[in-house]
Each structure stands twice: as structure tokens, then as C-alpha cells.
Protein backbone atom coordinates (compact mmCIF):
# COMPACT_ATOMS: atom_id res chain seq x y z
CA UNK A 1 113.73 82.76 98.25
CA UNK A 2 115.73 79.86 97.07
CA UNK A 3 116.43 76.81 99.53
CA UNK A 4 119.63 75.29 99.98
CA UNK A 5 118.41 72.02 98.37
CA UNK A 6 117.93 74.45 95.27
CA UNK A 7 120.92 75.93 95.64
CA UNK A 8 122.59 72.32 94.99
CA UNK A 9 121.39 71.66 92.47
CA UNK A 10 121.29 75.53 90.74
CA UNK A 11 125.13 75.43 91.32
CA UNK A 12 127.95 72.68 90.57
CA UNK A 13 130.02 71.76 93.33
CA UNK A 14 133.58 72.99 93.58
CA UNK A 15 136.95 72.03 94.66
CA UNK A 16 137.60 72.92 98.56
CA UNK A 17 139.10 76.64 99.28
CA UNK A 18 142.10 75.93 101.03
CA UNK A 19 144.64 75.21 98.28
CA UNK A 20 148.34 76.66 97.45
CA UNK A 21 146.24 78.93 94.74
CA UNK A 22 144.18 80.86 97.47
CA UNK A 23 147.35 80.86 100.05
CA UNK A 24 148.99 82.55 97.58
CA UNK A 25 145.94 85.17 97.28
CA UNK A 26 146.31 85.43 101.12
CA UNK A 27 149.80 86.28 101.01
CA UNK A 28 149.60 89.14 98.35
CA UNK A 29 147.34 90.33 101.19
CA UNK A 30 149.34 90.13 103.64
CA UNK A 31 152.44 92.13 101.79
CA UNK A 32 150.15 95.07 101.44
CA UNK A 33 150.93 96.71 104.54
CA UNK A 34 154.49 95.61 104.21
CA UNK A 35 154.94 97.42 101.06
CA UNK A 36 153.14 100.77 102.60
CA UNK A 37 156.05 100.34 105.38
CA UNK A 38 158.52 100.34 102.90
CA UNK A 39 157.19 103.12 100.46
CA UNK A 40 156.13 105.43 103.01
CA UNK A 41 159.07 105.24 104.92
CA UNK A 42 160.74 108.66 105.69
CA UNK A 43 158.21 110.48 103.03
CA UNK A 44 159.58 107.90 100.48
CA UNK A 45 163.02 109.79 100.30
CA UNK A 46 165.25 107.48 100.63
CA UNK A 47 166.49 105.31 98.08
CA UNK A 48 167.18 101.99 99.63
CA UNK A 49 163.24 101.76 101.42
CA UNK A 50 162.10 102.52 97.88
CA UNK A 51 163.91 99.56 96.31
CA UNK A 52 162.72 97.72 98.93
CA UNK A 53 159.00 98.62 98.36
CA UNK A 54 159.38 98.14 94.86
CA UNK A 55 160.71 94.53 95.45
CA UNK A 56 157.73 93.65 97.55
CA UNK A 57 155.75 95.14 94.94
CA UNK A 58 157.02 92.95 92.52
CA UNK A 59 156.40 90.18 94.46
CA UNK A 60 152.85 90.70 95.18
CA UNK A 61 152.20 90.91 91.94
CA UNK A 62 153.54 88.02 90.86
CA UNK A 63 151.61 85.83 93.08
CA UNK A 64 148.87 87.36 90.81
CA UNK A 65 150.31 85.54 88.06
CA UNK A 66 151.32 82.57 89.90
CA UNK A 67 147.88 81.38 91.80
CA UNK A 68 145.76 81.75 88.93
CA UNK A 69 147.88 79.34 86.63
CA UNK A 70 147.99 77.15 89.97
CA UNK A 71 144.40 77.02 90.29
CA UNK A 72 143.63 76.25 86.48
CA UNK A 73 146.28 73.53 86.24
CA UNK A 74 145.07 71.65 89.25
CA UNK A 75 141.08 72.41 88.45
CA UNK A 76 141.25 74.48 91.78
CA UNK A 77 139.09 77.36 90.69
CA UNK A 78 136.76 78.24 93.33
CA UNK A 79 134.43 81.30 94.38
CA UNK A 80 136.73 82.12 97.15
CA UNK A 81 139.60 82.58 94.55
CA UNK A 82 137.33 84.61 92.10
CA UNK A 83 136.53 86.56 94.63
CA UNK A 84 139.18 87.13 96.69
CA UNK A 85 141.75 87.69 94.46
CA UNK A 86 140.66 90.62 92.40
CA UNK A 87 140.23 92.31 96.12
CA UNK A 88 143.66 91.39 96.66
CA UNK A 89 144.65 93.28 93.58
CA UNK A 90 142.81 96.40 94.38
CA UNK A 91 143.96 96.57 98.01
CA UNK A 92 147.68 96.11 96.60
CA UNK A 93 147.17 99.21 93.98
CA UNK A 94 145.27 100.96 95.71
CA UNK A 95 147.63 101.21 98.57
CA UNK A 96 150.41 101.93 95.69
CA UNK A 97 148.56 104.53 94.57
CA UNK A 98 147.96 106.38 98.01
CA UNK A 99 151.22 106.07 99.01
CA UNK A 100 152.50 108.01 95.60
CA UNK A 101 150.17 110.28 96.20
CA UNK A 102 151.04 111.34 99.43
CA UNK A 103 154.74 111.38 98.60
CA UNK A 104 153.86 113.88 95.64
CA UNK A 105 154.64 111.79 93.15
CA UNK A 106 151.30 110.95 91.37
CA UNK A 107 148.15 113.60 91.41
CA UNK A 108 145.70 112.51 93.73
CA UNK A 109 142.98 113.02 90.89
CA UNK A 110 144.52 109.52 89.16
CA UNK A 111 144.13 108.00 92.49
CA UNK A 112 140.69 109.05 93.24
CA UNK A 113 139.47 107.94 90.06
CA UNK A 114 140.86 104.93 89.89
CA UNK A 115 139.52 103.95 93.33
CA UNK A 116 136.24 104.60 92.88
CA UNK A 117 136.11 102.33 90.11
CA UNK A 118 137.82 99.82 91.99
CA UNK A 119 135.59 100.24 94.88
CA UNK A 120 132.44 100.35 92.25
CA UNK A 121 133.54 97.01 90.57
CA UNK A 122 134.14 95.38 94.05
CA UNK A 123 130.81 96.38 95.45
CA UNK A 124 129.17 95.23 92.33
CA UNK A 125 130.51 91.71 92.84
CA UNK A 126 128.74 91.62 96.28
CA UNK A 127 125.90 92.51 94.66
CA UNK A 128 125.10 89.85 91.98
CA UNK A 129 127.07 87.68 94.26
CA UNK A 130 123.80 84.92 94.70
CA UNK A 131 123.36 84.80 90.72
CA UNK A 132 127.38 84.40 90.60
CA UNK A 133 130.98 85.68 90.40
CA UNK A 134 132.34 87.87 87.95
CA UNK A 135 135.62 86.66 87.27
CA UNK A 136 138.43 88.90 86.00
CA UNK A 137 138.08 89.71 82.68
CA UNK A 138 140.83 90.52 80.01
CA UNK A 139 140.21 93.93 80.21
CA UNK A 140 140.71 93.98 83.59
CA UNK A 141 144.06 91.55 83.60
CA UNK A 142 145.45 94.42 81.26
CA UNK A 143 144.11 97.08 83.27
CA UNK A 144 145.83 95.56 86.24
CA UNK A 145 149.42 95.12 84.23
CA UNK A 146 149.44 98.81 83.06
CA UNK A 147 148.81 99.69 86.27
CA UNK A 148 151.70 97.94 87.83
CA UNK A 149 154.46 98.63 85.26
CA UNK A 150 153.59 102.43 85.84
CA UNK A 151 153.20 102.24 89.47
CA UNK A 152 156.71 100.24 89.28
CA UNK A 153 158.31 103.04 87.00
CA UNK A 154 156.78 105.91 90.05
CA UNK A 155 158.23 103.94 93.03
CA UNK A 156 161.85 103.17 91.56
CA UNK A 157 164.12 106.09 91.78
CA UNK A 158 164.55 106.48 88.07
CA UNK A 159 165.81 109.73 86.09
CA UNK A 160 162.96 112.07 84.12
CA UNK A 161 162.93 110.18 80.97
CA UNK A 162 161.61 107.07 82.78
CA UNK A 163 159.43 109.44 84.93
CA UNK A 164 157.81 110.49 81.25
CA UNK A 165 157.16 106.77 80.40
CA UNK A 166 155.41 106.01 84.01
CA UNK A 167 152.94 109.20 83.27
CA UNK A 168 152.18 107.76 79.68
CA UNK A 169 151.66 104.47 81.01
CA UNK A 170 149.61 105.16 83.82
CA UNK A 171 147.43 107.60 81.48
CA UNK A 172 146.69 104.58 79.74
CA UNK A 173 145.90 102.66 82.44
CA UNK A 174 143.58 105.00 83.41
CA UNK A 175 141.71 104.98 80.39
CA UNK A 176 141.29 101.25 80.59
CA UNK A 177 140.31 101.39 84.02
CA UNK A 178 137.44 103.31 83.18
CA UNK A 179 136.63 101.52 79.90
CA UNK A 180 136.75 98.03 82.14
CA UNK A 181 134.54 99.37 84.56
CA UNK A 182 131.76 100.11 82.13
CA UNK A 183 132.33 96.67 81.10
CA UNK A 184 131.83 95.06 84.21
CA UNK A 185 128.44 97.03 85.17
CA UNK A 186 127.44 95.37 81.87
CA UNK A 187 128.40 91.66 82.66
CA UNK A 188 127.03 92.16 85.78
CA UNK A 189 123.02 93.09 84.27
CA UNK A 190 123.90 89.85 82.05
CA UNK A 191 124.54 88.18 84.55
CA UNK A 192 121.41 88.98 86.82
CA UNK A 193 119.25 88.04 83.55
CA UNK A 194 120.71 84.82 82.53
CA UNK A 195 121.82 83.19 85.60
CA UNK A 196 120.62 79.87 87.04
CA UNK A 197 119.15 81.65 89.67
CA UNK A 198 117.34 84.01 87.78
CA UNK A 199 116.33 81.34 85.51
CA UNK A 200 114.82 79.64 88.28
CA UNK A 201 112.88 82.59 90.20
CA UNK A 202 111.21 83.55 86.72
CA UNK A 203 109.81 79.86 86.37
CA UNK A 204 108.39 80.25 89.92
CA UNK A 205 106.84 83.34 89.52
CA UNK A 206 105.48 82.01 86.01
CA UNK A 207 104.13 79.00 88.27
CA UNK A 208 102.63 81.33 90.47
CA UNK A 209 101.17 83.35 88.46
CA UNK A 210 99.32 80.85 85.95
CA UNK A 211 98.46 79.31 89.51
CA UNK A 212 96.48 82.71 90.82
CA UNK A 213 94.55 83.02 87.52
CA UNK A 214 93.37 79.63 87.54
CA UNK A 215 92.37 80.45 90.83
CA UNK A 216 90.50 83.90 89.62
CA UNK A 217 88.68 81.60 87.35
CA UNK A 218 87.48 79.03 89.46
CA UNK A 219 86.49 81.92 92.13
CA UNK A 220 84.52 83.44 88.62
CA UNK A 221 82.47 80.62 87.98
CA UNK A 222 80.67 79.86 91.17
CA UNK A 223 79.83 83.67 90.86
CA UNK A 224 78.36 83.51 87.85
CA UNK A 225 76.15 80.68 89.04
CA UNK A 226 74.97 82.73 91.75
CA UNK A 227 74.08 85.52 89.96
CA UNK A 228 72.03 83.54 87.43
CA UNK A 229 70.24 81.16 89.84
CA UNK A 230 67.93 83.88 91.35
CA UNK A 231 66.33 84.40 88.46
CA UNK A 232 64.40 80.88 87.85
CA UNK A 233 63.59 80.92 91.56
CA UNK A 234 62.19 84.13 91.61
CA UNK A 235 60.09 82.79 88.55
CA UNK A 236 59.37 79.54 90.38
CA UNK A 237 58.04 81.87 93.75
CA UNK A 238 55.87 83.88 91.58
CA UNK A 239 54.25 80.87 89.84
CA UNK A 240 53.84 79.25 93.71
CA UNK A 241 52.22 82.22 94.91
CA UNK A 242 49.54 82.72 91.99
CA UNK A 243 48.71 79.14 92.05
CA UNK A 244 48.46 79.18 95.91
CA UNK A 245 45.08 80.82 96.38
CA UNK A 246 43.61 79.34 93.33
CA UNK A 247 44.68 75.77 95.25
CA UNK A 248 43.26 77.07 98.34
CA UNK A 249 40.07 78.11 96.82
CA UNK A 250 39.48 74.70 95.40
CA UNK A 251 40.04 72.95 98.73
CA UNK A 252 37.61 75.36 100.34
CA UNK A 253 34.92 74.65 97.63
CA UNK A 254 35.48 70.49 97.75
CA UNK A 255 34.98 71.62 101.79
CA UNK A 256 32.01 73.36 100.63
CA UNK A 257 30.37 70.63 98.29
CA UNK A 258 29.82 68.04 101.21
CA UNK A 259 28.73 70.80 103.55
CA UNK A 260 25.76 71.69 100.80
CA UNK A 261 24.88 67.53 100.04
CA UNK A 262 24.66 67.73 103.68
CA UNK A 263 21.77 70.45 103.90
CA UNK A 264 20.01 69.13 100.82
CA UNK A 265 19.94 65.88 102.88
CA UNK A 266 19.08 67.30 105.93
CA UNK A 267 16.21 69.33 104.00
CA UNK A 268 14.80 66.51 101.92
CA UNK A 269 14.66 63.93 104.60
CA UNK A 270 11.60 65.60 107.11
CA UNK A 271 9.86 66.14 103.53
CA UNK A 272 10.37 62.53 102.44
CA UNK A 273 9.31 61.43 105.83
CA UNK A 274 5.98 63.33 106.19
CA UNK A 275 4.99 61.89 102.22
CA UNK A 276 5.12 58.76 103.51
CA UNK A 277 3.23 59.72 106.57
CA UNK A 278 0.64 61.52 104.78
CA UNK A 279 0.31 58.36 102.14
CA UNK A 280 -0.11 56.31 105.37
CA UNK A 281 -2.82 57.60 107.02
CA UNK A 282 -4.56 58.55 103.67
CA UNK A 283 -4.36 54.73 102.91
CA UNK A 284 -5.38 53.35 106.13
CA UNK A 285 -9.52 54.64 105.92
CA UNK A 286 -9.73 53.31 102.59
CA UNK A 287 -8.22 49.50 103.76
CA UNK A 288 -10.69 50.08 106.79
CA UNK A 289 -14.01 51.04 104.40
CA UNK A 290 -13.23 48.32 101.82
CA UNK A 291 -13.06 45.66 104.44
CA UNK A 292 -16.13 46.71 106.10
CA UNK A 293 -18.26 46.66 102.65
CA UNK A 294 -16.91 43.09 101.86
CA UNK A 295 -17.66 41.53 105.31
CA UNK A 296 -21.80 41.31 105.28
CA UNK A 297 -22.04 40.82 101.75
CA UNK A 298 -19.87 37.22 102.15
CA UNK A 299 -21.77 35.87 105.28
CA UNK A 300 -25.52 34.66 103.67
CA UNK A 301 -23.62 32.76 100.79
CA UNK A 302 -22.31 30.37 103.66
């Protein structure tokens, strides 16, 4: 959704809706029930009331032209005026068409066709109002003018020759009504694609898509590293497991070597002691014998 701050940036400031042009539009809406009462009074058979209905209709349609000129001249064109002005026109024209069909001056199929188009365009305006306001086009103004002239000719109690002219103008008004209805549909579609709001939404979607793509890339890189990491770890583990027994065997041999040396020393020590003892025992008698032999010979010489 677009925040109020974004809306302020997208939409330029406008004049106040409380102005003369909008007041005339509201006056036209207020005249609709008055016109309906005069037109339908006594089944539309009284000439005086038909003339009063025609007078109210002329005043109401005149305000349509006046309010637009005032709004443009005073720089008071507002979104309220752009929406309410076509609605006021449709209320007035719709009531006139329905009233003429009720008093059997206009075929109902004409009223139904025109009303479907008018209601459809009004609904379309409200559907796209978030993107902007679809103002009345030149074709729409021509349609309104043709309808107004034809309706006025139907309301006035004129001769049959004027009635033929009224039928011809109404037929042309129906054609223009359908053509402009298609034009409004195309304009609404274009507005939804090209409005500042639509451009802002597209920019936000593009930024969100780029952010999501960047997030996917960041998530994908650690996954690749995690997938590759176990391979060297497995190789190192295998080398470590292979080298461990060899190292343990070496340490065991190292412990066994001092034990062997100790056994050799322990074995050699008694033998060495026994040899030394035997040598001393053998040498002792010989030394004693030598001393005995030398003793008697030496005494007489002295």
C-alpha cells in the first residue's frame, strides 16, 4: 500500500472543494427531483407542467456549462468537481430518460442502453480513482449535448415534425454514447498503467524483486561452501585415522626399547659381578704363594 506521505508526493496540491463551481454542480443535483416532479405530474399530460419541466431542465443543463467555465477561469478545478460534475449530468439525464419512458414518449430500450453505459462509466471512474480522475472528454460533452437537445425536444409539447427531429437526434446521441463508453474503458486502462501511483508501485515491485534475488544469492553461497567443506574434512580424517595406529605403534616400540635395555643391564650385571669375583679369588692364592717364596730367600742376605 502507498502511505499518506507517498500520496502527497504523487498528487499535487489542489484548490479547496468549497467554491462556486462545485456549488453550481450541487445545485444541478438538487434540481433533479424538482424536474422529475414537473415532468411526471398528471402523467405528463398537462402542457403547463411540461413547460415548467422544460424550464428546470434548461437551467440545470446550463449550470453544467457555467460551473466548468468558472472552475477553469478561477483555477478551482478539483477532484470533487471532476467526479461530481459527471454524476450530476447522469442523474439529470437519467431521470429525464426514465420520465420520458414512463409517460410513453421514449422507448424503454433506449433508456436501458443509455443508463447501462452511464452507470458503467461511473463505476469505472470509482474503480480507477486511486490512480487518478477520468475527466469528461470532448466526446462525452458532445454526447451530453446531443442527449440534452433530444430530451428537450421530447419534453416540449411540439408538433409531429419536431418529434421526428427529436428521434433523429436521440439516435445519434445513442451512437455517440456507446462509442464514448468504449473510449472511457480504454482511458481507464491507460490510466492504471501510466499513473504516478502505478509507476511507484512498479518501482517498489522491482526493488523488492532485486532484494529477493540478492537474498537468494547470499543464501546460496553458504550452501555451496557447506556442500564442499566435508570433502577435505573427510580426507583429513582418513589420513588421521591411518596415521594414528602407526604413531601408537611407534610410541609402543619406544616404550619397549627402554624395557629391553633394562633387561640386558639386569642380565649382564650378575655375570660381570661373578667374573670379577672369580678373578679376585684366582688372583689371591697366587699372590700369597709369591709372597711366601720371596720371604725365606731374602732373610740370610741381611
